Amino acid sequence: MKKTVLVVDDQPHIVRLIQVNLEKEGFQVSTAGDGVEGLAKAHELKPDLIILDVIMPRKDGFEVLRKSKRIRS
């Protein structure tokens, strides 16, 4: 079973770069364009790993990290 990685960044070219490289390594990759969407996907998918940008609109990476830690608890 493939491990799932959620990539959250507001810069589409960065997201795509990370996504392509992770998929080449055999990971299943889901993406989000901002912190709000990323947090919703984290709740939905419960990924094995979340890669977060720090500076994003609506919710920054630190806030998403704090809130996503509660998902696993």
N, C-alpha and C. Protein backbone atom coordinates (compact mmCIF):
# COMPACT_ATOMS: atom_id res chain seq x y z
N MET A 1 0.84 -1.19 0.00
CA MET A 1 0.00 0.00 0.00
C MET A 1 0.89 1.25 0.00
N LYS A 2 0.57 2.19 -0.89
CA LYS A 2 1.36 3.42 -1.00
C LYS A 2 1.11 4.32 0.21
N LYS A 3 2.18 4.96 0.64
CA LYS A 3 2.06 5.98 1.69
C LYS A 3 1.52 7.25 1.05
N THR A 4 0.70 7.98 1.81
CA THR A 4 0.07 9.20 1.31
C THR A 4 0.77 10.43 1.86
N VAL A 5 1.06 11.37 0.96
CA VAL A 5 1.68 12.64 1.33
C VAL A 5 0.75 13.76 0.88
N LEU A 6 0.49 14.70 1.78
CA LEU A 6 -0.28 15.89 1.46
C LEU A 6 0.69 17.06 1.33
N VAL A 7 0.68 17.72 0.18
CA VAL A 7 1.54 18.88 -0.07
C VAL A 7 0.67 20.12 -0.08
N VAL A 8 0.98 21.07 0.80
CA VAL A 8 0.18 22.29 0.94
C VAL A 8 1.07 23.50 0.69
N ASP A 9 0.78 24.22 -0.39
CA ASP A 9 1.55 25.41 -0.75
C ASP A 9 0.70 26.26 -1.68
N ASP A 10 0.83 27.57 -1.59
CA ASP A 10 0.05 28.46 -2.43
C ASP A 10 0.73 28.76 -3.76
N GLN A 11 1.88 28.17 -4.01
CA GLN A 11 2.58 28.38 -5.28
C GLN A 11 2.49 27.09 -6.11
N PRO A 12 1.64 27.08 -7.13
CA PRO A 12 1.38 25.85 -7.90
C PRO A 12 2.63 25.19 -8.48
N HIS A 13 3.62 25.97 -8.91
CA HIS A 13 4.82 25.36 -9.49
C HIS A 13 5.63 24.59 -8.44
N ILE A 14 5.62 25.06 -7.21
CA ILE A 14 6.30 24.35 -6.12
C ILE A 14 5.57 23.06 -5.81
N VAL A 15 4.25 23.15 -5.71
CA VAL A 15 3.43 21.96 -5.44
C VAL A 15 3.67 20.91 -6.51
N ARG A 16 3.66 21.32 -7.76
CA ARG A 16 3.84 20.37 -8.87
C ARG A 16 5.22 19.72 -8.83
N LEU A 17 6.25 20.50 -8.54
CA LEU A 17 7.62 19.98 -8.45
C LEU A 17 7.71 18.89 -7.37
N ILE A 18 7.18 19.18 -6.21
CA ILE A 18 7.20 18.21 -5.11
C ILE A 18 6.35 16.99 -5.47
N GLN A 19 5.18 17.23 -6.03
CA GLN A 19 4.27 16.13 -6.38
C GLN A 19 4.92 15.16 -7.38
N VAL A 20 5.49 15.68 -8.43
CA VAL A 20 6.11 14.84 -9.46
C VAL A 20 7.23 13.99 -8.87
N ASN A 21 8.07 14.59 -8.05
CA ASN A 21 9.19 13.86 -7.47
C ASN A 21 8.74 12.80 -6.47
N LEU A 22 7.73 13.11 -5.67
CA LEU A 22 7.23 12.11 -4.73
C LEU A 22 6.53 10.96 -5.45
N GLU A 23 5.78 11.27 -6.49
CA GLU A 23 5.11 10.22 -7.25
C GLU A 23 6.12 9.30 -7.93
N LYS A 24 7.24 9.86 -8.40
CA LYS A 24 8.31 9.04 -8.99
C LYS A 24 8.86 8.05 -7.98
N GLU A 25 8.82 8.42 -6.70
CA GLU A 25 9.33 7.56 -5.64
C GLU A 25 8.26 6.60 -5.10
N GLY A 26 7.07 6.65 -5.68
CA GLY A 26 6.03 5.68 -5.32
C GLY A 26 5.01 6.14 -4.29
N PHE A 27 5.01 7.41 -3.95
CA PHE A 27 4.04 7.93 -2.98
C PHE A 27 2.75 8.33 -3.68
N GLN A 28 1.65 8.23 -2.96
CA GLN A 28 0.39 8.79 -3.42
C GLN A 28 0.36 10.23 -2.90
N VAL A 29 0.13 11.19 -3.78
CA VAL A 29 0.24 12.60 -3.40
C VAL A 29 -1.09 13.30 -3.60
N SER A 30 -1.50 14.04 -2.57
CA SER A 30 -2.66 14.91 -2.66
C SER A 30 -2.14 16.33 -2.43
N THR A 31 -2.82 17.32 -2.99
CA THR A 31 -2.32 18.69 -2.88
C THR A 31 -3.43 19.64 -2.42
N ALA A 32 -2.99 20.76 -1.88
CA ALA A 32 -3.91 21.83 -1.47
C ALA A 32 -3.22 23.16 -1.71
N GLY A 33 -4.00 24.19 -2.05
CA GLY A 33 -3.45 25.49 -2.41
C GLY A 33 -3.38 26.51 -1.30
N ASP A 34 -3.91 26.19 -0.13
CA ASP A 34 -3.81 27.09 1.02
C ASP A 34 -4.06 26.30 2.30
N GLY A 35 -3.90 26.96 3.43
CA GLY A 35 -4.02 26.30 4.71
C GLY A 35 -5.40 25.76 5.03
N VAL A 36 -6.43 26.47 4.63
CA VAL A 36 -7.80 26.02 4.91
C VAL A 36 -8.09 24.73 4.14
N GLU A 37 -7.76 24.73 2.86
CA GLU A 37 -7.96 23.53 2.04
C GLU A 37 -7.06 22.39 2.55
N GLY A 38 -5.84 22.72 2.93
CA GLY A 38 -4.93 21.71 3.44
C GLY A 38 -5.42 21.05 4.71
N LEU A 39 -5.97 21.84 5.61
CA LEU A 39 -6.49 21.29 6.86
C LEU A 39 -7.69 20.39 6.60
N ALA A 40 -8.56 20.82 5.69
CA ALA A 40 -9.72 19.98 5.33
C ALA A 40 -9.27 18.65 4.73
N LYS A 41 -8.27 18.69 3.85
CA LYS A 41 -7.77 17.45 3.25
C LYS A 41 -7.06 16.58 4.28
N ALA A 42 -6.38 17.20 5.22
CA ALA A 42 -5.71 16.44 6.27
C ALA A 42 -6.74 15.67 7.10
N HIS A 43 -7.85 16.31 7.42
CA HIS A 43 -8.92 15.64 8.16
C HIS A 43 -9.52 14.51 7.34
N GLU A 44 -9.72 14.74 6.07
CA GLU A 44 -10.34 13.76 5.19
C GLU A 44 -9.42 12.57 4.91
N LEU A 45 -8.17 12.83 4.56
CA LEU A 45 -7.26 11.78 4.10
C LEU A 45 -6.43 11.12 5.20
N LYS A 46 -6.18 11.86 6.27
CA LYS A 46 -5.27 11.40 7.33
C LYS A 46 -3.96 10.88 6.72
N PRO A 47 -3.23 11.76 6.04
CA PRO A 47 -2.02 11.36 5.33
C PRO A 47 -0.91 10.90 6.28
N ASP A 48 0.04 10.16 5.71
CA ASP A 48 1.19 9.72 6.49
C ASP A 48 2.16 10.86 6.74
N LEU A 49 2.18 11.83 5.83
CA LEU A 49 3.09 12.98 5.93
C LEU A 49 2.42 14.20 5.32
N ILE A 50 2.63 15.36 5.94
CA ILE A 50 2.15 16.63 5.39
C ILE A 50 3.36 17.54 5.19
N ILE A 51 3.51 18.03 3.97
CA ILE A 51 4.55 19.01 3.66
C ILE A 51 3.87 20.37 3.54
N LEU A 52 4.27 21.30 4.40
CA LEU A 52 3.59 22.59 4.50
C LEU A 52 4.51 23.75 4.16
N ASP A 53 3.97 24.70 3.41
CA ASP A 53 4.60 26.00 3.27
C ASP A 53 4.27 26.76 4.55
N VAL A 54 5.12 27.66 4.96
CA VAL A 54 4.86 28.43 6.19
C VAL A 54 3.97 29.63 5.91
N ILE A 55 4.26 30.37 4.85
CA ILE A 55 3.52 31.60 4.57
C ILE A 55 2.50 31.31 3.48
N MET A 56 1.23 31.24 3.90
CA MET A 56 0.12 30.98 2.97
C MET A 56 -1.07 31.84 3.35
N PRO A 57 -1.97 32.07 2.40
CA PRO A 57 -3.18 32.82 2.72
C PRO A 57 -4.14 32.00 3.57
N ARG A 58 -5.01 32.68 4.26
CA ARG A 58 -6.10 32.14 5.06
C ARG A 58 -5.62 31.44 6.33
N LYS A 59 -4.75 30.47 6.28
CA LYS A 59 -4.13 29.86 7.45
C LYS A 59 -2.67 29.59 7.09
N ASP A 60 -1.76 30.01 7.97
CA ASP A 60 -0.35 29.74 7.67
C ASP A 60 0.01 28.30 8.06
N GLY A 61 1.19 27.88 7.66
CA GLY A 61 1.63 26.52 7.90
C GLY A 61 1.71 26.16 9.37
N PHE A 62 2.08 27.11 10.22
CA PHE A 62 2.17 26.82 11.65
C PHE A 62 0.79 26.51 12.24
N GLU A 63 -0.21 27.26 11.82
CA GLU A 63 -1.57 27.02 12.32
C GLU A 63 -2.09 25.67 11.82
N VAL A 64 -1.83 25.36 10.57
CA VAL A 64 -2.25 24.07 10.01
C VAL A 64 -1.55 22.94 10.77
N LEU A 65 -0.28 23.10 11.07
CA LEU A 65 0.46 22.09 11.81
C LEU A 65 -0.15 21.86 13.19
N ARG A 66 -0.41 22.94 13.91
CA ARG A 66 -1.01 22.81 15.25
C ARG A 66 -2.34 22.08 15.19
N LYS A 67 -3.18 22.46 14.24
CA LYS A 67 -4.51 21.86 14.16
C LYS A 67 -4.46 20.44 13.61
N SER A 68 -3.52 20.15 12.73
CA SER A 68 -3.45 18.80 12.17
C SER A 68 -2.90 17.80 13.17
N LYS A 69 -2.13 18.25 14.14
CA LYS A 69 -1.64 17.35 15.19
C LYS A 69 -2.80 16.73 15.96
N ARG A 70 -3.88 17.45 16.09
CA ARG A 70 -5.06 16.96 16.82
C ARG A 70 -5.78 15.85 16.06
N ILE A 71 -5.57 15.79 14.76
CA ILE A 71 -6.23 14.75 13.92
C ILE A 71 -5.74 13.38 14.33
N ARG A 72 -4.45 13.25 14.55
CA ARG A 72 -3.82 11.97 14.87
C ARG A 72 -4.01 11.57 16.33
N SER A 73 -4.30 12.53 17.20
CA SER A 73 -4.41 12.25 18.63
C SER A 73 -5.65 11.47 18.98
